[in-house]
């Protein structure tokens, strides 16, 4: 079973999370309404990068959930694609018992940078990433 959970201020991460969730046959869930994880699920966690950290609601969620027994793939969207937000999430998830399966950072529009992203090429890459996850897990 897969779960796709995201935090998105501008909608960039939400769009990618929805593409990934559709590929995995589930519905993407906003972290603001998510309380817990299904036992033994494979979790895709996504957030934008806000000052090299995920959004506050995502940080609160990560710190409140027991990830023991869960494999986790991390999605980060970022104007600079630094990967530092994903590393921040990875540290919390590992400290809370989770096993990191993979991480993917996608450039996204921020102010004038990366206009039009995520774009169709990014959505195709998201579908491929989800397919790769599904293939590796099954």
Protein backbone atom coordinates (compact mmCIF):
# COMPACT_ATOMS: atom_id res chain seq x y z
CA UNK A 1 0.00 0.00 0.00
CA UNK A 2 1.20 3.48 -0.89
CA UNK A 3 0.51 6.83 0.72
CA UNK A 4 1.40 10.18 -0.83
CA UNK A 5 1.48 13.09 1.60
CA UNK A 6 2.44 16.63 0.67
CA UNK A 7 2.75 20.22 1.86
CA UNK A 8 2.52 22.96 -0.74
CA UNK A 9 2.25 26.73 -0.43
CA UNK A 10 2.09 27.65 -4.12
CA UNK A 11 0.73 24.39 -5.53
CA UNK A 12 3.95 23.13 -7.15
CA UNK A 13 4.44 20.22 -4.76
CA UNK A 14 0.72 19.43 -4.79
CA UNK A 15 0.73 19.10 -8.58
CA UNK A 16 3.67 16.69 -8.53
CA UNK A 17 2.25 14.74 -5.58
CA UNK A 18 -1.02 14.28 -7.46
CA UNK A 19 0.81 12.96 -10.54
CA UNK A 20 2.81 10.54 -8.37
CA UNK A 21 -0.28 9.43 -6.43
CA UNK A 22 -2.23 8.78 -9.62
CA UNK A 23 0.63 6.61 -10.93
CA UNK A 24 0.62 4.68 -7.63
CA UNK A 25 -3.17 4.27 -7.66
CA UNK A 26 -3.87 6.38 -4.57
CA UNK A 27 -5.03 9.90 -3.71
CA UNK A 28 -2.49 12.51 -2.61
CA UNK A 29 -3.23 13.81 0.88
CA UNK A 30 -2.50 17.26 2.25
CA UNK A 31 -0.36 17.01 5.38
CA UNK A 32 -2.68 19.49 7.10
CA UNK A 33 -5.42 16.84 7.25
CA UNK A 34 -3.26 13.75 7.77
CA UNK A 35 -3.03 12.35 11.29
CA UNK A 36 -1.25 9.00 10.99
CA UNK A 37 0.14 6.42 8.59
CA UNK A 38 -1.40 3.12 7.58
CA UNK A 39 0.50 0.18 9.08
CA UNK A 40 3.42 -0.88 6.89
CA UNK A 41 2.65 1.52 4.04
CA UNK A 42 5.24 2.84 1.62
CA UNK A 43 5.12 6.62 2.05
CA UNK A 44 5.97 9.34 -0.44
CA UNK A 45 6.48 12.61 1.46
CA UNK A 46 6.66 15.87 -0.48
CA UNK A 47 7.27 19.49 0.43
CA UNK A 48 8.58 22.67 -1.04
CA UNK A 49 11.90 24.00 0.17
CA UNK A 50 11.41 27.11 2.29
CA UNK A 51 14.78 28.38 3.52
CA UNK A 52 16.35 24.90 3.20
CA UNK A 53 13.56 23.32 5.25
CA UNK A 54 10.16 21.83 4.44
CA UNK A 55 7.05 23.78 5.38
CA UNK A 56 6.21 24.15 9.07
CA UNK A 57 3.13 21.90 8.79
CA UNK A 58 5.30 19.17 7.25
CA UNK A 59 7.92 19.52 9.99
CA UNK A 60 5.18 19.20 12.63
CA UNK A 61 3.76 16.11 10.92
CA UNK A 62 7.17 14.44 10.56
CA UNK A 63 7.92 15.04 14.23
CA UNK A 64 4.56 13.57 15.31
CA UNK A 65 4.56 10.29 13.34
CA UNK A 66 6.29 7.00 14.09
CA UNK A 67 7.91 5.88 10.84
CA UNK A 68 9.01 2.49 12.17
CA UNK A 69 8.29 -0.17 9.56
CA UNK A 70 7.81 2.35 6.74
CA UNK A 71 9.91 2.87 3.64
CA UNK A 72 9.85 6.50 2.59
CA UNK A 73 10.56 8.34 -0.66
CA UNK A 74 11.09 12.08 -0.36
CA UNK A 75 9.97 14.65 -2.93
CA UNK A 76 11.29 18.18 -2.70
CA UNK A 77 10.37 21.11 -4.93
CA UNK A 78 12.70 24.06 -4.89
CA UNK A 79 13.52 27.20 -6.81
CA UNK A 80 17.18 26.33 -6.42
CA UNK A 81 16.93 22.53 -6.29
CA UNK A 82 19.48 22.39 -3.48
CA UNK A 83 18.19 19.18 -1.91
CA UNK A 84 18.66 20.63 1.58
CA UNK A 85 14.94 20.45 2.38
CA UNK A 86 14.95 16.76 1.48
CA UNK A 87 17.96 16.19 3.73
CA UNK A 88 16.14 17.95 6.57
CA UNK A 89 13.14 15.63 6.12
CA UNK A 90 15.40 12.59 5.83
CA UNK A 91 17.03 13.29 9.19
CA UNK A 92 13.67 13.51 10.97
CA UNK A 93 12.26 10.42 9.26
CA UNK A 94 15.33 8.33 10.12
CA UNK A 95 15.29 9.55 13.72
CA UNK A 96 11.65 8.46 13.93
CA UNK A 97 12.39 4.94 12.66
CA UNK A 98 11.81 5.27 8.91
CA UNK A 99 13.93 3.82 6.12
CA UNK A 100 14.69 6.18 3.24
CA UNK A 101 14.12 4.52 -0.11
CA UNK A 102 14.89 7.44 -2.43
CA UNK A 103 14.85 11.24 -2.78
CA UNK A 104 13.95 13.39 -5.76
CA UNK A 105 14.25 17.16 -6.06
CA UNK A 106 12.37 18.96 -8.81
CA UNK A 107 12.93 22.58 -9.73
CA UNK A 108 9.83 24.68 -9.36
CA UNK A 109 8.90 28.27 -10.00
CA UNK A 110 9.85 30.71 -7.28
CA UNK A 111 9.34 34.40 -8.00
CA UNK A 112 11.04 34.89 -11.40
CA UNK A 113 13.14 31.72 -11.28
CA UNK A 114 12.09 28.58 -13.16
CA UNK A 115 9.02 30.10 -14.79
CA UNK A 116 6.47 27.51 -15.86
CA UNK A 117 7.85 24.75 -13.65
CA UNK A 118 6.90 22.16 -12.86
CA UNK A 119 6.16 21.54 -16.53
CA UNK A 120 5.19 18.54 -18.66
CA UNK A 121 8.77 17.25 -18.61
CA UNK A 122 8.75 17.40 -14.80
CA UNK A 123 5.39 15.60 -14.67
CA UNK A 124 6.79 12.88 -16.94
CA UNK A 125 9.80 12.56 -14.62
CA UNK A 126 7.43 12.32 -11.63
CA UNK A 127 5.45 9.53 -13.33
CA UNK A 128 8.70 7.70 -14.09
CA UNK A 129 9.89 8.11 -10.48
CA UNK A 130 6.58 6.71 -9.20
CA UNK A 131 6.80 3.83 -11.66
CA UNK A 132 10.36 3.09 -10.53
CA UNK A 133 9.21 3.09 -6.89
CA UNK A 134 6.31 0.78 -7.66
CA UNK A 135 8.52 -1.60 -9.64
CA UNK A 136 11.19 -1.74 -6.91
CA UNK A 137 8.66 -2.35 -4.14
CA UNK A 138 6.66 -5.08 -5.89
